[in-house]
């Protein structure tokens, strides 16, 4: 348990300081390649000899098989690395757990990538040049179409991404790391990466990616709600222009206004805390997807709201890490 405490703390600090350096091999990239590899093998060809219902079943079960293979391989690799390190030296095991923890968390990379959008929108050049730069920067962190977004649309997309990934990329993996170390952490990252790659409700992935999407919903059900409550608490002191009271009110009202049972949890907190309206219709792969709005338009969203949502996300990460480490310390003292 002391090892878990030390590795979680060290990995968290490494993420804050180093982040995700470009050019450095990252296991999530490897997981993405693994998903693409099995998708090419397992995605069924559409034939004329079977009914549409049978085709959909075939797609679903092959997508389920992909989930089993990706999760099994990812978990097996993590277990193998840790077992080998344990056999060699406790110090090596500690270093391996710390590095793996660092690679699972995404506090700095989320802040850095979203702040690129802010810098693009407020940088040098004409308004048209800044907007085009902002569209390009936000296209690196969102799945929606960005070519026709206005400055408000670009800003909203960046704020929404930080809000949603405050759970998916920070608090949720942190919770799994505290419970089961890097093995459970990479189990979660495998599922989350599959959802981001094949969990879309379009013609190709509606059935093939359904198992991945549902499994991601299950794994994030409690973490997303814990993240929301944590962010509500941090809204009272993370930034003087955030409203903790409004964050709670909008969360209670709008937390279910999404097709996913989890995505609106932290997004509704953020909308309330900032006093802006988020979500609404968006374009994906050339098709408009109708979505309800979240929050009240007390004011228009501003580019500096990207700074505020990052302060809220980072503060929540620090508080979440502190709570988790405290729980581990208490359990160690009780069970010693």
C-alpha atoms as a PDB file:
ATOM      1  CA  UNK A   1       0.000   0.000   0.000  1.00  0.00           C
ATOM      2  CA  UNK A   2       2.954   2.310   0.649  1.00  0.00           C
ATOM      3  CA  UNK A   3       4.134   1.527  -2.884  1.00  0.00           C
ATOM      4  CA  UNK A   4       0.710   2.466  -4.268  1.00  0.00           C
ATOM      5  CA  UNK A   5       0.790   5.757  -2.316  1.00  0.00           C
ATOM      6  CA  UNK A   6       4.284   6.642  -3.551  1.00  0.00           C
ATOM      7  CA  UNK A   7       3.625   5.644  -7.174  1.00  0.00           C
ATOM      8  CA  UNK A   8       0.322   7.547  -7.352  1.00  0.00           C
ATOM      9  CA  UNK A   9       1.946  10.680  -5.949  1.00  0.00           C
ATOM     10  CA  UNK A  10       5.057  10.457  -8.126  1.00  0.00           C
ATOM     11  CA  UNK A  11       3.075   9.702 -11.277  1.00  0.00           C
ATOM     12  CA  UNK A  12       0.724  12.615 -10.600  1.00  0.00           C
ATOM     13  CA  UNK A  13       3.641  15.019 -10.147  1.00  0.00           C
ATOM     14  CA  UNK A  14       5.325  13.691 -13.294  1.00  0.00           C
ATOM     15  CA  UNK A  15       2.142  14.371 -15.247  1.00  0.00           C
ATOM     16  CA  UNK A  16       1.927  17.919 -13.889  1.00  0.00           C
ATOM     17  CA  UNK A  17       5.574  18.649 -14.702  1.00  0.00           C
ATOM     18  CA  UNK A  18       6.231  16.655 -17.884  1.00  0.00           C
ATOM     19  CA  UNK A  19       2.781  16.133 -19.355  1.00  0.00           C
ATOM     20  CA  UNK A  20       2.716  14.324 -22.692  1.00  0.00           C
ATOM     21  CA  UNK A  21       5.989  15.211 -24.484  1.00  0.00           C
ATOM     22  CA  UNK A  22       5.748  15.038 -28.280  1.00  0.00           C
ATOM     23  CA  UNK A  23       7.806  12.238 -29.786  1.00  0.00           C
ATOM     24  CA  UNK A  24       7.845  10.206 -26.583  1.00  0.00           C
ATOM     25  CA  UNK A  25       6.272   6.735 -26.997  1.00  0.00           C
ATOM     26  CA  UNK A  26       2.859   6.676 -25.307  1.00  0.00           C
ATOM     27  CA  UNK A  27       0.947   3.498 -24.403  1.00  0.00           C
ATOM     28  CA  UNK A  28      -2.410   5.053 -25.314  1.00  0.00           C
ATOM     29  CA  UNK A  29      -1.107   5.468 -28.875  1.00  0.00           C
ATOM     30  CA  UNK A  30      -0.172   1.779 -28.802  1.00  0.00           C
ATOM     31  CA  UNK A  31      -3.678   0.924 -27.569  1.00  0.00           C
ATOM     32  CA  UNK A  32      -5.121   2.964 -30.440  1.00  0.00           C
ATOM     33  CA  UNK A  33      -2.999   1.031 -32.950  1.00  0.00           C
ATOM     34  CA  UNK A  34      -4.097  -2.238 -31.340  1.00  0.00           C
ATOM     35  CA  UNK A  35      -7.752  -1.212 -31.742  1.00  0.00           C
ATOM     36  CA  UNK A  36      -7.180  -0.283 -35.403  1.00  0.00           C
ATOM     37  CA  UNK A  37      -5.401  -3.602 -36.000  1.00  0.00           C
ATOM     38  CA  UNK A  38      -8.262  -5.707 -34.645  1.00  0.00           C
ATOM     39  CA  UNK A  39     -10.868  -3.513 -36.328  1.00  0.00           C
ATOM     40  CA  UNK A  40      -9.336  -4.254 -39.739  1.00  0.00           C
ATOM     41  CA  UNK A  41      -9.482  -7.988 -39.003  1.00  0.00           C
ATOM     42  CA  UNK A  42     -12.855  -8.191 -37.260  1.00  0.00           C
ATOM     43  CA  UNK A  43     -15.060  -5.618 -38.955  1.00  0.00           C
ATOM     44  CA  UNK A  44     -17.448  -7.764 -41.050  1.00  0.00           C
ATOM     45  CA  UNK A  45     -17.915  -7.216 -44.734  1.00  0.00           C
ATOM     46  CA  UNK A  46     -21.450  -6.429 -45.737  1.00  0.00           C
ATOM     47  CA  UNK A  47     -22.926  -9.226 -47.815  1.00  0.00           C
ATOM     48  CA  UNK A  48     -26.178  -9.525 -49.724  1.00  0.00           C
ATOM     49  CA  UNK A  49     -26.907 -13.061 -48.543  1.00  0.00           C
ATOM     50  CA  UNK A  50     -27.790 -12.225 -44.922  1.00  0.00           C
ATOM     51  CA  UNK A  51     -30.542 -10.065 -43.513  1.00  0.00           C
ATOM     52  CA  UNK A  52     -29.886  -6.657 -42.042  1.00  0.00           C
ATOM     53  CA  UNK A  53     -30.723  -7.988 -38.567  1.00  0.00           C
ATOM     54  CA  UNK A  54     -28.137 -10.765 -38.865  1.00  0.00           C
ATOM     55  CA  UNK A  55     -25.600  -8.272 -40.181  1.00  0.00           C
ATOM     56  CA  UNK A  56     -26.142  -6.058 -37.138  1.00  0.00           C
ATOM     57  CA  UNK A  57     -25.751  -9.016 -34.775  1.00  0.00           C
ATOM     58  CA  UNK A  58     -22.563 -10.004 -36.556  1.00  0.00           C
ATOM     59  CA  UNK A  59     -21.192  -6.478 -36.181  1.00  0.00           C
ATOM     60  CA  UNK A  60     -22.107  -6.346 -32.491  1.00  0.00           C
ATOM     61  CA  UNK A  61     -20.500  -9.668 -31.557  1.00  0.00           C
ATOM     62  CA  UNK A  62     -17.354  -8.903 -33.529  1.00  0.00           C
ATOM     63  CA  UNK A  63     -17.175  -5.537 -31.778  1.00  0.00           C
ATOM     64  CA  UNK A  64     -17.582  -7.349 -28.471  1.00  0.00           C
ATOM     65  CA  UNK A  65     -14.729  -9.690 -29.422  1.00  0.00           C
ATOM     66  CA  UNK A  66     -12.582  -6.665 -30.216  1.00  0.00           C
ATOM     67  CA  UNK A  67     -13.289  -5.327 -26.708  1.00  0.00           C
ATOM     68  CA  UNK A  68     -12.253  -8.617 -25.108  1.00  0.00           C
ATOM     69  CA  UNK A  69      -9.053  -8.831 -27.126  1.00  0.00           C
ATOM     70  CA  UNK A  70      -7.964  -5.219 -26.599  1.00  0.00           C
ATOM     71  CA  UNK A  71      -8.694  -5.272 -22.860  1.00  0.00           C
ATOM     72  CA  UNK A  72      -7.032  -8.672 -22.378  1.00  0.00           C
ATOM     73  CA  UNK A  73      -3.874  -7.750 -24.287  1.00  0.00           C
ATOM     74  CA  UNK A  74      -3.562  -4.331 -22.627  1.00  0.00           C
ATOM     75  CA  UNK A  75      -4.057  -5.757 -19.136  1.00  0.00           C
ATOM     76  CA  UNK A  76      -1.718  -8.691 -19.796  1.00  0.00           C
ATOM     77  CA  UNK A  77       1.082  -6.374 -20.935  1.00  0.00           C
ATOM     78  CA  UNK A  78       0.658  -4.176 -17.845  1.00  0.00           C
ATOM     79  CA  UNK A  79       0.653  -7.228 -15.537  1.00  0.00           C
ATOM     80  CA  UNK A  80       3.689  -8.698 -17.300  1.00  0.00           C
ATOM     81  CA  UNK A  81       5.729  -5.505 -16.951  1.00  0.00           C
ATOM     82  CA  UNK A  82       4.905  -5.110 -13.264  1.00  0.00           C
ATOM     83  CA  UNK A  83       5.570  -8.784 -12.461  1.00  0.00           C
ATOM     84  CA  UNK A  84       8.955  -8.636 -14.204  1.00  0.00           C
ATOM     85  CA  UNK A  85       9.879  -5.467 -12.298  1.00  0.00           C
ATOM     86  CA  UNK A  86       8.745  -7.015  -9.009  1.00  0.00           C
ATOM     87  CA  UNK A  87      11.038 -10.007  -9.571  1.00  0.00           C
ATOM     88  CA  UNK A  88      14.020  -7.735 -10.197  1.00  0.00           C
ATOM     89  CA  UNK A  89      13.677  -5.028  -7.529  1.00  0.00           C
ATOM     90  CA  UNK A  90      11.080  -3.197  -5.407  1.00  0.00           C
ATOM     91  CA  UNK A  91      12.672   0.064  -6.541  1.00  0.00           C
ATOM     92  CA  UNK A  92      12.176  -0.896 -10.189  1.00  0.00           C
ATOM     93  CA  UNK A  93       8.565  -1.805  -9.433  1.00  0.00           C
ATOM     94  CA  UNK A  94       8.032   1.606  -7.856  1.00  0.00           C
ATOM     95  CA  UNK A  95       9.562   3.342 -10.880  1.00  0.00           C
ATOM     96  CA  UNK A  96       7.457   1.288 -13.297  1.00  0.00           C
ATOM     97  CA  UNK A  97       4.218   2.018 -11.418  1.00  0.00           C
ATOM     98  CA  UNK A  98       5.107   5.713 -11.272  1.00  0.00           C
ATOM     99  CA  UNK A  99       5.801   5.959 -15.013  1.00  0.00           C
ATOM    100  CA  UNK A 100       2.643   4.012 -15.877  1.00  0.00           C
ATOM    101  CA  UNK A 101       0.598   6.263 -13.580  1.00  0.00           C
ATOM    102  CA  UNK A 102       2.069   9.318 -15.289  1.00  0.00           C
ATOM    103  CA  UNK A 103       1.114   7.928 -18.708  1.00  0.00           C
ATOM    104  CA  UNK A 104      -2.469   7.211 -17.641  1.00  0.00           C
ATOM    105  CA  UNK A 105      -3.205  10.733 -16.343  1.00  0.00           C
ATOM    106  CA  UNK A 106      -3.720  13.737 -18.636  1.00  0.00           C
ATOM    107  CA  UNK A 107      -3.865  16.898 -16.511  1.00  0.00           C
ATOM    108  CA  UNK A 108      -1.073  18.855 -18.189  1.00  0.00           C
ATOM    109  CA  UNK A 109      -1.741  17.647 -21.739  1.00  0.00           C
ATOM    110  CA  UNK A 110      -5.430  18.579 -21.441  1.00  0.00           C
ATOM    111  CA  UNK A 111      -4.504  22.031 -20.174  1.00  0.00           C
ATOM    112  CA  UNK A 112      -1.763  22.575 -22.775  1.00  0.00           C
ATOM    113  CA  UNK A 113      -3.831  21.440 -25.765  1.00  0.00           C
ATOM    114  CA  UNK A 114      -6.899  23.464 -24.774  1.00  0.00           C
ATOM    115  CA  UNK A 115      -4.795  26.548 -24.068  1.00  0.00           C
ATOM    116  CA  UNK A 116      -3.472  26.327 -27.631  1.00  0.00           C
ATOM    117  CA  UNK A 117      -7.027  27.190 -28.680  1.00  0.00           C
ATOM    118  CA  UNK A 118      -7.030  30.231 -26.371  1.00  0.00           C
ATOM    119  CA  UNK A 119      -3.634  31.394 -27.661  1.00  0.00           C
ATOM    120  CA  UNK A 120      -4.753  30.956 -31.265  1.00  0.00           C
ATOM    121  CA  UNK A 121      -7.917  32.998 -30.732  1.00  0.00           C
ATOM    122  CA  UNK A 122      -6.101  35.784 -28.882  1.00  0.00           C
ATOM    123  CA  UNK A 123      -2.805  35.779 -30.806  1.00  0.00           C
ATOM    124  CA  UNK A 124      -1.416  37.893 -33.602  1.00  0.00           C
ATOM    125  CA  UNK A 125      -3.020  38.295 -37.005  1.00  0.00           C
ATOM    126  CA  UNK A 126      -6.339  39.388 -38.414  1.00  0.00           C
ATOM    127  CA  UNK A 127      -9.621  38.167 -36.869  1.00  0.00           C
ATOM    128  CA  UNK A 128     -10.001  35.724 -39.771  1.00  0.00           C
ATOM    129  CA  UNK A 129      -6.485  34.353 -39.268  1.00  0.00           C
ATOM    130  CA  UNK A 130      -7.010  33.966 -35.517  1.00  0.00           C
ATOM    131  CA  UNK A 131     -10.311  32.179 -36.071  1.00  0.00           C
ATOM    132  CA  UNK A 132      -8.757  29.796 -38.595  1.00  0.00           C
ATOM    133  CA  UNK A 133      -5.917  29.061 -36.180  1.00  0.00           C
ATOM    134  CA  UNK A 134      -8.450  28.463 -33.417  1.00  0.00           C
ATOM    135  CA  UNK A 135     -10.441  26.067 -35.600  1.00  0.00           C
ATOM    136  CA  UNK A 136      -7.279  24.103 -36.349  1.00  0.00           C
ATOM    137  CA  UNK A 137      -6.216  23.993 -32.684  1.00  0.00           C
ATOM    138  CA  UNK A 138      -9.622  22.829 -31.460  1.00  0.00           C
ATOM    139  CA  UNK A 139      -9.824  20.196 -34.238  1.00  0.00           C
ATOM    140  CA  UNK A 140      -6.916  18.452 -32.488  1.00  0.00           C
ATOM    141  CA  UNK A 141      -8.945  17.826 -29.329  1.00  0.00           C
ATOM    142  CA  UNK A 142     -12.571  17.346 -30.457  1.00  0.00           C
ATOM    143  CA  UNK A 143     -14.404  14.829 -32.634  1.00  0.00           C
ATOM    144  CA  UNK A 144     -16.870  17.287 -34.172  1.00  0.00           C
ATOM    145  CA  UNK A 145     -16.483  19.152 -37.474  1.00  0.00           C
ATOM    146  CA  UNK A 146     -14.713  22.474 -36.881  1.00  0.00           C
ATOM    147  CA  UNK A 147     -14.334  24.055 -40.331  1.00  0.00           C
ATOM    148  CA  UNK A 148     -17.408  26.280 -40.012  1.00  0.00           C
ATOM    149  CA  UNK A 149     -17.290  27.081 -36.285  1.00  0.00           C
ATOM    150  CA  UNK A 150     -17.504  30.700 -35.191  1.00  0.00           C
ATOM    151  CA  UNK A 151     -15.216  32.091 -32.482  1.00  0.00           C
ATOM    152  CA  UNK A 152     -17.966  31.339 -29.967  1.00  0.00           C
ATOM    153  CA  UNK A 153     -18.272  27.802 -31.335  1.00  0.00           C
ATOM    154  CA  UNK A 154     -14.526  27.216 -31.118  1.00  0.00           C
ATOM    155  CA  UNK A 155     -14.444  28.496 -27.538  1.00  0.00           C
ATOM    156  CA  UNK A 156     -17.431  26.370 -26.517  1.00  0.00           C
ATOM    157  CA  UNK A 157     -15.842  23.281 -28.060  1.00  0.00           C
ATOM    158  CA  UNK A 158     -12.630  23.838 -26.073  1.00  0.00           C
ATOM    159  CA  UNK A 159     -14.495  24.481 -22.805  1.00  0.00           C
ATOM    160  CA  UNK A 160     -16.721  21.428 -23.299  1.00  0.00           C
ATOM    161  CA  UNK A 161     -13.692  19.224 -24.026  1.00  0.00           C
ATOM    162  CA  UNK A 162     -11.926  20.260 -20.833  1.00  0.00           C
ATOM    163  CA  UNK A 163     -15.156  19.842 -18.856  1.00  0.00           C
ATOM    164  CA  UNK A 164     -15.824  16.316 -20.148  1.00  0.00           C
ATOM    165  CA  UNK A 165     -12.206  15.176 -19.946  1.00  0.00           C
ATOM    166  CA  UNK A 166     -11.897  16.452 -16.398  1.00  0.00           C
ATOM    167  CA  UNK A 167     -13.640  13.173 -15.650  1.00  0.00           C
ATOM    168  CA  UNK A 168     -12.496  10.882 -18.509  1.00  0.00           C
ATOM    169  CA  UNK A 169      -8.869  12.003 -18.581  1.00  0.00           C
ATOM    170  CA  UNK A 170      -8.200  13.001 -14.980  1.00  0.00           C
ATOM    171  CA  UNK A 171     -10.524  12.061 -12.115  1.00  0.00           C
ATOM    172  CA  UNK A 172     -11.839   8.730 -13.463  1.00  0.00           C
ATOM    173  CA  UNK A 173      -8.409   7.229 -14.263  1.00  0.00           C
ATOM    174  CA  UNK A 174      -7.176   8.596 -10.935  1.00  0.00           C
ATOM    175  CA  UNK A 175      -9.912   6.654  -9.137  1.00  0.00           C
ATOM    176  CA  UNK A 176      -9.057   3.428 -10.975  1.00  0.00           C
ATOM    177  CA  UNK A 177      -5.354   3.934 -10.200  1.00  0.00           C
ATOM    178  CA  UNK A 178      -6.087   4.329  -6.497  1.00  0.00           C
ATOM    179  CA  UNK A 179      -8.205   1.165  -6.477  1.00  0.00           C
ATOM    180  CA  UNK A 180      -6.178  -1.184  -8.671  1.00  0.00           C
ATOM    181  CA  UNK A 181      -2.949   0.495  -9.671  1.00  0.00           C
ATOM    182  CA  UNK A 182      -1.696   0.712 -13.274  1.00  0.00           C
ATOM    183  CA  UNK A 183      -3.342  -2.571 -14.298  1.00  0.00           C
ATOM    184  CA  UNK A 184      -6.845  -1.273 -13.555  1.00  0.00           C
ATOM    185  CA  UNK A 185      -5.778   2.131 -14.846  1.00  0.00           C
ATOM    186  CA  UNK A 186      -4.824   0.700 -18.235  1.00  0.00           C
ATOM    187  CA  UNK A 187      -7.976  -1.433 -18.246  1.00  0.00           C
ATOM    188  CA  UNK A 188      -9.912   1.824 -18.012  1.00  0.00           C
ATOM    189  CA  UNK A 189      -7.783   3.577 -20.652  1.00  0.00           C
ATOM    190  CA  UNK A 190      -8.308   0.677 -23.067  1.00  0.00           C
ATOM    191  CA  UNK A 191     -12.081   0.947 -22.723  1.00  0.00           C
ATOM    192  CA  UNK A 192     -12.051   4.741 -22.911  1.00  0.00           C
ATOM    193  CA  UNK A 193      -9.848   4.713 -26.019  1.00  0.00           C
ATOM    194  CA  UNK A 194     -12.121   2.175 -27.724  1.00  0.00           C
ATOM    195  CA  UNK A 195     -15.125   4.368 -26.993  1.00  0.00           C
ATOM    196  CA  UNK A 196     -13.380   7.413 -28.470  1.00  0.00           C
ATOM    197  CA  UNK A 197     -12.425   5.480 -31.624  1.00  0.00           C
ATOM    198  CA  UNK A 198     -15.381   3.192 -32.347  1.00  0.00           C
ATOM    199  CA  UNK A 199     -18.132   4.341 -29.973  1.00  0.00           C
ATOM    200  CA  UNK A 200     -19.845   6.613 -32.500  1.00  0.00           C
ATOM    201  CA  UNK A 201     -23.507   6.275 -33.435  1.00  0.00           C
ATOM    202  CA  UNK A 202     -22.943   6.388 -37.172  1.00  0.00           C
ATOM    203  CA  UNK A 203     -23.471   3.847 -39.949  1.00  0.00           C
ATOM    204  CA  UNK A 204     -20.141   2.119 -39.418  1.00  0.00           C
ATOM    205  CA  UNK A 205     -20.011   1.924 -35.636  1.00  0.00           C
ATOM    206  CA  UNK A 206     -23.610   1.912 -34.401  1.00  0.00           C
ATOM    207  CA  UNK A 207     -23.488  -1.858 -33.793  1.00  0.00           C
ATOM    208  CA  UNK A 208     -19.773  -2.666 -34.068  1.00  0.00           C
ATOM    209  CA  UNK A 209     -18.875  -0.062 -31.424  1.00  0.00           C
ATOM    210  CA  UNK A 210     -21.886  -0.594 -29.174  1.00  0.00           C
ATOM    211  CA  UNK A 211     -20.147  -2.942 -26.708  1.00  0.00           C
ATOM    212  CA  UNK A 212     -17.264  -0.478 -26.278  1.00  0.00           C
ATOM    213  CA  UNK A 213     -19.657   2.453 -25.778  1.00  0.00           C
ATOM    214  CA  UNK A 214     -21.801   0.601 -23.216  1.00  0.00           C
ATOM    215  CA  UNK A 215     -18.774  -0.658 -21.296  1.00  0.00           C
ATOM    216  CA  UNK A 216     -17.405   2.889 -21.174  1.00  0.00           C
ATOM    217  CA  UNK A 217     -20.780   4.085 -19.831  1.00  0.00           C
ATOM    218  CA  UNK A 218     -20.644   1.472 -17.060  1.00  0.00           C
ATOM    219  CA  UNK A 219     -17.048   2.225 -16.042  1.00  0.00           C
ATOM    220  CA  UNK A 220     -17.657   5.988 -15.976  1.00  0.00           C
ATOM    221  CA  UNK A 221     -21.025   5.928 -14.205  1.00  0.00           C
ATOM    222  CA  UNK A 222     -19.719   6.512 -10.668  1.00  0.00           C
ATOM    223  CA  UNK A 223     -16.479   8.377 -11.570  1.00  0.00           C
ATOM    224  CA  UNK A 224     -18.375  10.965 -13.634  1.00  0.00           C
ATOM    225  CA  UNK A 225     -20.658  11.727 -10.692  1.00  0.00           C
ATOM    226  CA  UNK A 226     -17.752  11.856  -8.249  1.00  0.00           C
ATOM    227  CA  UNK A 227     -15.987  14.218 -10.665  1.00  0.00           C
ATOM    228  CA  UNK A 228     -19.060  16.448 -10.849  1.00  0.00           C
ATOM    229  CA  UNK A 229     -19.365  16.707  -7.068  1.00  0.00           C
ATOM    230  CA  UNK A 230     -15.642  17.390  -6.766  1.00  0.00           C
ATOM    231  CA  UNK A 231     -15.854  20.152  -9.372  1.00  0.00           C
ATOM    232  CA  UNK A 232     -18.875  21.709  -7.662  1.00  0.00           C
ATOM    233  CA  UNK A 233     -16.888  21.940  -4.436  1.00  0.00           C
ATOM    234  CA  UNK A 234     -13.863  23.386  -6.226  1.00  0.00           C
ATOM    235  CA  UNK A 235     -16.042  25.962  -8.023  1.00  0.00           C
ATOM    236  CA  UNK A 236     -16.243  27.856  -4.729  1.00  0.00           C
ATOM    237  CA  UNK A 237     -12.515  28.653  -4.668  1.00  0.00           C
ATOM    238  CA  UNK A 238     -10.800  27.692  -7.960  1.00  0.00           C
ATOM    239  CA  UNK A 239     -11.510  31.105  -9.537  1.00  0.00           C
ATOM    240  CA  UNK A 240     -13.275  34.179  -8.181  1.00  0.00           C
ATOM    241  CA  UNK A 241     -15.554  34.385 -11.242  1.00  0.00           C
ATOM    242  CA  UNK A 242     -16.841  30.823 -10.835  1.00  0.00           C
ATOM    243  CA  UNK A 243     -20.083  30.169  -8.965  1.00  0.00           C
ATOM    244  CA  UNK A 244     -20.271  27.047  -6.828  1.00  0.00           C
ATOM    245  CA  UNK A 245     -23.940  27.654  -6.049  1.00  0.00           C
ATOM    246  CA  UNK A 246     -24.920  27.957  -9.721  1.00  0.00           C
ATOM    247  CA  UNK A 247     -22.742  24.954 -10.569  1.00  0.00           C
ATOM    248  CA  UNK A 248     -24.820  22.822  -8.201  1.00  0.00           C
ATOM    249  CA  UNK A 249     -28.140  24.200  -9.443  1.00  0.00           C
ATOM    250  CA  UNK A 250     -27.363  23.557 -13.124  1.00  0.00           C
ATOM    251  CA  UNK A 251     -25.872  20.139 -12.345  1.00  0.00           C
ATOM    252  CA  UNK A 252     -29.071  19.070 -10.584  1.00  0.00           C
ATOM    253  CA  UNK A 253     -31.182  20.308 -13.488  1.00  0.00           C
ATOM    254  CA  UNK A 254     -29.124  19.438 -16.586  1.00  0.00           C
ATOM    255  CA  UNK A 255     -26.898  16.485 -15.617  1.00  0.00           C
ATOM    256  CA  UNK A 256     -29.052  14.054 -17.626  1.00  0.00           C
ATOM    257  CA  UNK A 257     -29.397  16.201 -20.756  1.00  0.00           C
ATOM    258  CA  UNK A 258     -27.206  14.002 -22.923  1.00  0.00           C
ATOM    259  CA  UNK A 259     -27.577  10.724 -24.802  1.00  0.00           C
ATOM    260  CA  UNK A 260     -24.744   9.385 -22.636  1.00  0.00           C
ATOM    261  CA  UNK A 261     -25.576   8.875 -18.940  1.00  0.00           C
ATOM    262  CA  UNK A 262     -22.237  10.437 -17.987  1.00  0.00           C
ATOM    263  CA  UNK A 263     -21.178  13.191 -20.406  1.00  0.00           C
ATOM    264  CA  UNK A 264     -23.454  15.926 -19.055  1.00  0.00           C
ATOM    265  CA  UNK A 265     -22.325  15.446 -15.448  1.00  0.00           C
ATOM    266  CA  UNK A 266     -19.173  17.592 -15.519  1.00  0.00           C
ATOM    267  CA  UNK A 267     -20.370  19.667 -18.479  1.00  0.00           C
ATOM    268  CA  UNK A 268     -23.415  20.847 -16.541  1.00  0.00           C
ATOM    269  CA  UNK A 269     -21.228  21.758 -13.551  1.00  0.00           C
ATOM    270  CA  UNK A 270     -18.959  23.784 -15.829  1.00  0.00           C
ATOM    271  CA  UNK A 271     -21.855  25.571 -17.534  1.00  0.00           C
ATOM    272  CA  UNK A 272     -23.301  26.553 -14.177  1.00  0.00           C
ATOM    273  CA  UNK A 273     -19.971  27.571 -12.672  1.00  0.00           C
ATOM    274  CA  UNK A 274     -19.191  29.823 -15.654  1.00  0.00           C
ATOM    275  CA  UNK A 275     -22.753  31.106 -16.075  1.00  0.00           C
ATOM    276  CA  UNK A 276     -22.846  30.186 -19.788  1.00  0.00           C
ATOM    277  CA  UNK A 277     -24.785  27.843 -22.040  1.00  0.00           C
ATOM    278  CA  UNK A 278     -22.932  24.848 -23.488  1.00  0.00           C
ATOM    279  CA  UNK A 279     -23.746  21.894 -25.785  1.00  0.00           C
ATOM    280  CA  UNK A 280     -26.518  22.246 -28.379  1.00  0.00           C
ATOM    281  CA  UNK A 281     -26.459  20.986 -31.963  1.00  0.00           C
ATOM    282  CA  UNK A 282     -23.103  20.029 -33.484  1.00  0.00           C
ATOM    283  CA  UNK A 283     -21.824  18.588 -36.753  1.00  0.00           C
ATOM    284  CA  UNK A 284     -20.115  15.172 -36.818  1.00  0.00           C
ATOM    285  CA  UNK A 285     -18.799  13.642 -40.050  1.00  0.00           C
ATOM    286  CA  UNK A 286     -20.864  16.117 -42.062  1.00  0.00           C
ATOM    287  CA  UNK A 287     -24.145  15.425 -40.257  1.00  0.00           C
ATOM    288  CA  UNK A 288     -25.864  17.710 -37.765  1.00  0.00           C
ATOM    289  CA  UNK A 289     -26.490  15.934 -34.454  1.00  0.00           C
ATOM    290  CA  UNK A 290     -29.236  17.546 -32.390  1.00  0.00           C
ATOM    291  CA  UNK A 291     -28.370  17.960 -28.729  1.00  0.00           C
ATOM    292  CA  UNK A 292     -30.101  19.844 -25.918  1.00  0.00           C
ATOM    293  CA  UNK A 293     -28.394  22.886 -24.492  1.00  0.00           C
ATOM    294  CA  UNK A 294     -26.860  22.750 -21.019  1.00  0.00           C
ATOM    295  CA  UNK A 295     -26.827  25.721 -18.659  1.00  0.00           C
ATOM    296  CA  UNK A 296     -28.340  29.196 -18.861  1.00  0.00           C
ATOM    297  CA  UNK A 297     -27.092  31.978 -21.174  1.00  0.00           C
ATOM    298  CA  UNK A 298     -26.494  34.415 -18.324  1.00  0.00           C
ATOM    299  CA  UNK A 299     -23.746  35.865 -20.491  1.00  0.00           C
ATOM    300  CA  UNK A 300     -21.960  35.106 -23.763  1.00  0.00           C
ATOM    301  CA  UNK A 301     -19.054  32.691 -23.564  1.00  0.00           C
ATOM    302  CA  UNK A 302     -15.630  34.374 -23.761  1.00  0.00           C
ATOM    303  CA  UNK A 303     -12.220  33.103 -24.800  1.00  0.00           C
ATOM    304  CA  UNK A 304     -10.883  33.547 -21.247  1.00  0.00           C
ATOM    305  CA  UNK A 305     -13.439  30.960 -20.084  1.00  0.00           C
ATOM    306  CA  UNK A 306     -10.933  28.430 -21.418  1.00  0.00           C
ATOM    307  CA  UNK A 307      -8.546  29.645 -18.711  1.00  0.00           C
ATOM    308  CA  UNK A 308     -11.240  29.371 -16.043  1.00  0.00           C
ATOM    309  CA  UNK A 309     -12.320  25.851 -16.942  1.00  0.00           C
ATOM    310  CA  UNK A 310      -8.666  24.785 -16.841  1.00  0.00           C
ATOM    311  CA  UNK A 311      -8.314  26.270 -13.364  1.00  0.00           C
ATOM    312  CA  UNK A 312     -11.386  24.338 -12.294  1.00  0.00           C
ATOM    313  CA  UNK A 313     -10.071  21.101 -13.830  1.00  0.00           C
ATOM    314  CA  UNK A 314      -6.580  21.488 -12.328  1.00  0.00           C
ATOM    315  CA  UNK A 315      -7.897  22.406  -8.876  1.00  0.00           C
ATOM    316  CA  UNK A 316     -10.218  19.392  -8.963  1.00  0.00           C
ATOM    317  CA  UNK A 317      -7.267  17.183  -9.903  1.00  0.00           C
ATOM    318  CA  UNK A 318      -5.228  18.407  -6.914  1.00  0.00           C
ATOM    319  CA  UNK A 319      -8.126  17.954  -4.501  1.00  0.00           C
ATOM    320  CA  UNK A 320      -8.971  14.532  -5.950  1.00  0.00           C
ATOM    321  CA  UNK A 321      -5.371  13.394  -5.644  1.00  0.00           C
ATOM    322  CA  UNK A 322      -5.222  14.655  -2.074  1.00  0.00           C
ATOM    323  CA  UNK A 323      -8.402  12.802  -1.120  1.00  0.00           C
ATOM    324  CA  UNK A 324      -7.210   9.591  -2.749  1.00  0.00           C
ATOM    325  CA  UNK A 325      -3.805   9.680  -1.064  1.00  0.00           C
ATOM    326  CA  UNK A 326      -5.458  10.410   2.280  1.00  0.00           C
ATOM    327  CA  UNK A 327      -7.731   7.376   1.896  1.00  0.00           C
ATOM    328  CA  UNK A 328      -4.744   5.154   1.071  1.00  0.00           C
ATOM    329  CA  UNK A 329      -2.847   6.476   4.104  1.00  0.00           C
ATOM    330  CA  UNK A 330      -5.825   5.852   6.404  1.00  0.00           C
ATOM    331  CA  UNK A 331      -6.302   2.307   5.052  1.00  0.00           C
ATOM    332  CA  UNK A 332      -2.606   1.598   5.555  1.00  0.00           C
ATOM    333  CA  UNK A 333      -2.753   2.848   9.157  1.00  0.00           C
ATOM    334  CA  UNK A 334      -5.883   0.766   9.880  1.00  0.00           C
ATOM    335  CA  UNK A 335      -4.694  -2.424   8.214  1.00  0.00           C
ATOM    336  CA  UNK A 336      -1.073  -2.263   9.369  1.00  0.00           C
END
